[in-house]
Amino acid sequence: MTDDRLIVALDVPHAVAGAELAQRLGDSVGFYKIGLGMLTGGGLALANELKQEHGKRIFLDMKLFDISATIEAAVRGLAQFDLDFLTVHGDPQVVAAAKEGAGDSGLKILAVTILTSLDRADLDACQIRPGDLPDLVGARASAAFDAGADGVIASPQEAAMIRALSQATDRLIVTPGVRPAGSDLGDQKRVTTPAAAIANGANHVVIGRPIWQAPNPQAAAEAILQELSSA
């Protein structure tokens, strides 16, 4: 049985490459993330194939943001595919509309707090209100939970703070920005190791490049799973 705390990000150019990577990972991995980068390259078709034909769990990372009516319609359409997680931006009206669209499908709505590639300087450039970044993440997570979010996407550095929120009981915390010790950080700025993320209260860690860029992706995934088993 696989450890679904590890979600492998299929951040490759198209569905063919994604299917090949999933085949190389085999039974070691049971949960995959498919994002915007693959959407025009057959990403939704691959999500359905992995879910329906191979029994994998699927996290569709779309980070949807629009007016409420559009969000509700979009999520209602996606909910028919029997996927597991879907991301939307953490604005309360977006979260509430997404939950309405998901209905009783079982699709979990995860709210993005602040992207793990951003720091305070980036927020200043975007004219986001002043304040310490962890405080802003906590405020956005709290508002998203109040709006009905099943969970949040946040840096593993903020997972413990979010887990301590009164609204976080039985909610999911999913953490990108996770790197095994010694890995290249790439464009991530707020990172920890997989074991530290779980210890901080995360339910799932999302890892892409350290696995699919490895000479042996299956061995890389299994090393992470071994780390998680000892967390």
Protein backbone atom coordinates (compact mmCIF):
# COMPACT_ATOMS: atom_id res chain seq x y z
CA MET A 1 0.00 0.00 0.00
CA THR A 2 1.37 3.41 -0.98
CA ASP A 3 1.81 6.32 1.41
CA ASP A 4 -0.49 9.03 0.03
CA ARG A 5 1.13 11.68 2.18
CA LEU A 6 3.49 12.05 -0.79
CA ILE A 7 1.92 13.75 -3.81
CA VAL A 8 4.18 13.72 -6.85
CA ALA A 9 3.85 16.82 -9.03
CA LEU A 10 3.74 15.84 -12.70
CA ASP A 11 5.18 19.20 -13.74
CA VAL A 12 6.28 17.88 -17.13
CA PRO A 13 5.35 19.38 -20.52
CA HIS A 14 2.56 17.06 -21.64
CA ALA A 15 0.47 14.01 -20.83
CA VAL A 16 2.75 11.58 -22.65
CA ALA A 17 5.70 12.55 -20.44
CA GLY A 18 3.44 12.45 -17.39
CA ALA A 19 2.20 8.96 -18.21
CA GLU A 20 5.76 7.76 -18.77
CA LEU A 21 6.86 9.16 -15.41
CA ALA A 22 3.89 7.57 -13.63
CA GLN A 23 4.78 4.25 -15.26
CA ARG A 24 8.39 4.55 -14.03
CA LEU A 25 7.17 5.29 -10.50
CA GLY A 26 4.82 2.31 -10.62
CA ASP A 27 3.22 1.19 -7.38
CA SER A 28 5.54 3.34 -5.27
CA VAL A 29 3.34 6.41 -5.75
CA GLY A 30 -0.43 6.60 -5.40
CA PHE A 31 -1.14 10.34 -5.54
CA TYR A 32 -0.31 12.78 -8.35
CA LYS A 33 -0.65 16.53 -8.90
CA ILE A 34 -1.49 17.83 -12.36
CA GLY A 35 -1.29 21.58 -12.82
CA LEU A 36 -1.79 24.41 -15.27
CA GLY A 37 1.49 23.72 -17.05
CA MET A 38 0.08 20.49 -18.46
CA LEU A 39 -3.51 21.64 -18.98
CA THR A 40 -3.09 22.33 -22.70
CA GLY A 41 -0.93 19.23 -23.10
CA GLY A 42 -3.61 16.69 -22.21
CA GLY A 43 -3.48 17.11 -18.45
CA LEU A 44 -7.15 16.50 -17.79
CA ALA A 45 -7.13 13.38 -19.96
CA LEU A 46 -4.10 12.09 -18.03
CA ALA A 47 -5.85 12.85 -14.73
CA ASN A 48 -8.79 10.71 -15.84
CA GLU A 49 -6.54 7.91 -17.08
CA LEU A 50 -4.54 7.74 -13.86
CA LYS A 51 -7.70 7.86 -11.75
CA GLN A 52 -9.99 5.54 -13.69
CA GLU A 53 -7.55 3.04 -15.18
CA HIS A 54 -4.80 2.93 -12.56
CA GLY A 55 -6.62 3.79 -9.32
CA LYS A 56 -4.42 6.77 -8.48
CA ARG A 57 -5.58 9.75 -6.48
CA ILE A 58 -5.46 13.07 -8.33
CA PHE A 59 -4.82 16.62 -7.18
CA LEU A 60 -5.86 19.06 -9.92
CA ASP A 61 -3.88 22.22 -9.23
CA MET A 62 -5.74 24.89 -11.20
CA LYS A 63 -5.63 27.79 -8.67
CA LEU A 64 -8.95 29.05 -10.02
CA PHE A 65 -9.83 32.71 -9.58
CA ASP A 66 -12.83 34.50 -11.12
CA ILE A 67 -16.27 35.83 -10.27
CA SER A 68 -18.38 33.53 -8.13
CA ALA A 69 -20.73 32.36 -10.89
CA THR A 70 -17.81 31.35 -13.12
CA ILE A 71 -16.00 29.55 -10.31
CA GLU A 72 -19.13 27.62 -9.38
CA ALA A 73 -19.72 26.56 -12.99
CA ALA A 74 -16.09 25.58 -13.54
CA VAL A 75 -15.91 23.49 -10.37
CA ARG A 76 -19.23 21.83 -11.12
CA GLY A 77 -17.80 20.74 -14.47
CA LEU A 78 -14.58 19.46 -12.94
CA ALA A 79 -16.40 17.63 -10.14
CA GLN A 80 -17.89 15.16 -12.64
CA PHE A 81 -14.45 13.61 -13.18
CA ASP A 82 -14.29 12.05 -9.68
CA LEU A 83 -10.95 13.67 -8.81
CA ASP A 84 -9.72 14.22 -5.26
CA PHE A 85 -8.32 17.71 -4.69
CA LEU A 86 -8.79 21.02 -6.54
CA THR A 87 -7.10 24.33 -5.76
CA VAL A 88 -8.69 27.76 -5.89
CA HIS A 89 -7.38 31.09 -4.66
CA GLY A 90 -8.10 31.58 -0.98
CA ASP A 91 -10.41 34.59 -1.28
CA PRO A 92 -13.57 33.75 0.70
CA GLN A 93 -16.01 34.39 -2.16
CA VAL A 94 -13.98 32.13 -4.45
CA VAL A 95 -13.83 29.36 -1.86
CA ALA A 96 -17.57 29.55 -1.15
CA ALA A 97 -18.43 29.39 -4.85
CA ALA A 98 -16.10 26.44 -5.37
CA LYS A 99 -17.70 24.54 -2.51
CA GLU A 100 -21.11 25.20 -4.04
CA GLY A 101 -19.88 23.87 -7.37
CA ALA A 102 -18.34 20.76 -5.82
CA GLY A 103 -21.66 19.88 -4.17
CA ASP A 104 -21.62 16.36 -2.75
CA SER A 105 -19.08 15.05 -5.28
CA GLY A 106 -16.35 14.40 -2.72
CA LEU A 107 -13.97 16.79 -4.49
CA LYS A 108 -11.93 18.56 -1.79
CA ILE A 109 -11.50 22.31 -2.26
CA LEU A 110 -8.07 23.54 -1.19
CA ALA A 111 -7.47 27.27 -0.82
CA VAL A 112 -4.17 28.81 -1.81
CA THR A 113 -2.87 31.13 0.91
CA ILE A 114 0.34 32.72 -0.43
CA LEU A 115 2.42 30.97 -3.08
CA THR A 116 5.57 29.34 -1.72
CA SER A 117 7.67 31.06 -4.40
CA LEU A 118 6.87 34.49 -2.88
CA ASP A 119 8.46 36.42 -0.06
CA ARG A 120 7.70 39.81 1.50
CA ALA A 121 9.52 41.68 -1.27
CA ASP A 122 7.32 39.98 -3.86
CA LEU A 123 4.20 40.90 -1.91
CA ASP A 124 5.36 44.50 -1.77
CA ALA A 125 5.80 44.50 -5.55
CA CYS A 126 2.23 43.18 -5.87
CA GLN A 127 0.98 45.90 -3.49
CA ILE A 128 -0.25 43.33 -0.97
CA ARG A 129 -0.94 44.96 2.39
CA PRO A 130 1.95 45.29 4.86
CA GLY A 131 2.54 42.68 7.52
CA ASP A 132 4.67 39.69 8.33
CA LEU A 133 4.16 36.97 5.76
CA PRO A 134 3.21 34.24 8.27
CA ASP A 135 0.54 36.53 9.73
CA LEU A 136 -0.93 37.10 6.27
CA VAL A 137 -0.91 33.37 5.57
CA GLY A 138 -2.68 32.69 8.85
CA ALA A 139 -5.32 35.32 8.13
CA ARG A 140 -5.98 33.95 4.66
CA ALA A 141 -6.14 30.36 5.95
CA SER A 142 -8.59 31.35 8.69
CA ALA A 143 -10.84 33.20 6.22
CA ALA A 144 -10.73 30.28 3.79
CA PHE A 145 -11.72 27.80 6.49
CA ASP A 146 -14.58 30.05 7.52
CA ALA A 147 -15.74 30.10 3.88
CA GLY A 148 -15.85 26.29 3.82
CA ALA A 149 -12.47 25.22 2.44
CA ASP A 150 -11.62 21.57 3.03
CA GLY A 151 -8.00 22.52 3.38
CA VAL A 152 -5.29 24.98 2.42
CA ILE A 153 -2.12 25.11 0.39
CA ALA A 154 0.69 26.71 2.36
CA SER A 155 4.41 26.68 2.90
CA PRO A 156 5.57 23.92 5.26
CA GLN A 157 7.14 26.68 7.34
CA GLU A 158 3.62 27.90 8.16
CA ALA A 159 1.98 24.49 8.62
CA ALA A 160 2.32 24.42 12.42
CA MET A 161 0.82 27.89 12.74
CA ILE A 162 -2.13 26.93 10.53
CA ARG A 163 -2.64 23.61 12.34
CA ALA A 164 -2.99 25.57 15.58
CA LEU A 165 -5.93 27.60 14.24
CA SER A 166 -9.24 26.77 15.85
CA GLN A 167 -10.82 26.19 12.42
CA ALA A 168 -8.09 23.76 11.30
CA THR A 169 -9.47 20.71 13.11
CA ASP A 170 -10.10 17.96 10.54
CA ARG A 171 -8.97 20.25 7.69
CA LEU A 172 -6.21 19.41 5.24
CA ILE A 173 -2.86 21.17 5.02
CA VAL A 174 -1.03 20.45 1.78
CA THR A 175 2.51 21.77 1.46
CA PRO A 176 4.47 22.42 -1.72
CA GLY A 177 7.89 23.99 -1.27
CA VAL A 178 9.21 20.72 0.17
CA ARG A 179 12.73 19.60 -0.68
CA PRO A 180 14.72 16.59 0.54
CA ALA A 181 17.93 17.63 2.30
CA GLY A 182 20.56 18.70 -0.21
CA SER A 183 18.12 19.33 -3.08
CA ASP A 184 18.22 22.43 -5.26
CA LEU A 185 15.61 24.90 -4.04
CA GLY A 186 14.75 26.06 -7.58
CA ASP A 187 12.21 28.91 -7.42
CA GLN A 188 10.99 28.00 -3.93
CA LYS A 189 11.77 30.40 -1.09
CA ARG A 190 9.95 29.01 1.98
CA VAL A 191 10.95 25.36 2.25
CA THR A 192 11.54 22.48 4.66
CA THR A 193 12.28 18.78 4.34
CA PRO A 194 9.44 16.26 3.92
CA ALA A 195 9.76 14.96 7.49
CA ALA A 196 9.73 18.48 8.92
CA ALA A 197 6.61 19.38 6.92
CA ILE A 198 4.73 16.39 8.33
CA ALA A 199 6.01 17.11 11.83
CA ASN A 200 4.73 20.68 11.44
CA GLY A 201 1.20 19.43 10.82
CA ALA A 202 0.97 18.89 7.06
CA ASN A 203 -1.21 16.04 5.79
CA HIS A 204 0.50 15.89 2.40
CA VAL A 205 3.75 17.08 0.83
CA VAL A 206 3.94 17.93 -2.86
CA ILE A 207 7.28 17.19 -4.52
CA GLY A 208 8.11 17.41 -8.21
CA ARG A 209 11.57 18.25 -9.51
CA PRO A 210 13.60 16.31 -6.91
CA ILE A 211 11.77 13.21 -8.18
CA TRP A 212 11.29 13.66 -11.91
CA GLN A 213 14.70 15.25 -12.46
CA ALA A 214 16.45 12.40 -10.62
CA PRO A 215 18.35 9.77 -12.64
CA ASN A 216 16.10 7.16 -11.01
CA PRO A 217 12.74 8.77 -10.14
CA GLN A 218 11.40 5.66 -8.42
CA ALA A 219 14.43 5.47 -6.13
CA ALA A 220 14.09 9.19 -5.36
CA ALA A 221 10.40 8.77 -4.50
CA GLU A 222 11.09 5.75 -2.34
CA ALA A 223 13.78 7.62 -0.42
CA ILE A 224 11.25 10.36 0.36
CA LEU A 225 8.68 7.76 1.39
CA GLN A 226 11.25 6.21 3.72
CA GLU A 227 11.85 9.63 5.27
CA LEU A 228 8.10 10.11 5.74
CA SER A 229 7.75 6.70 7.38
CA SER A 230 10.21 7.75 10.05
CA ALA A 231 8.68 11.21 10.55
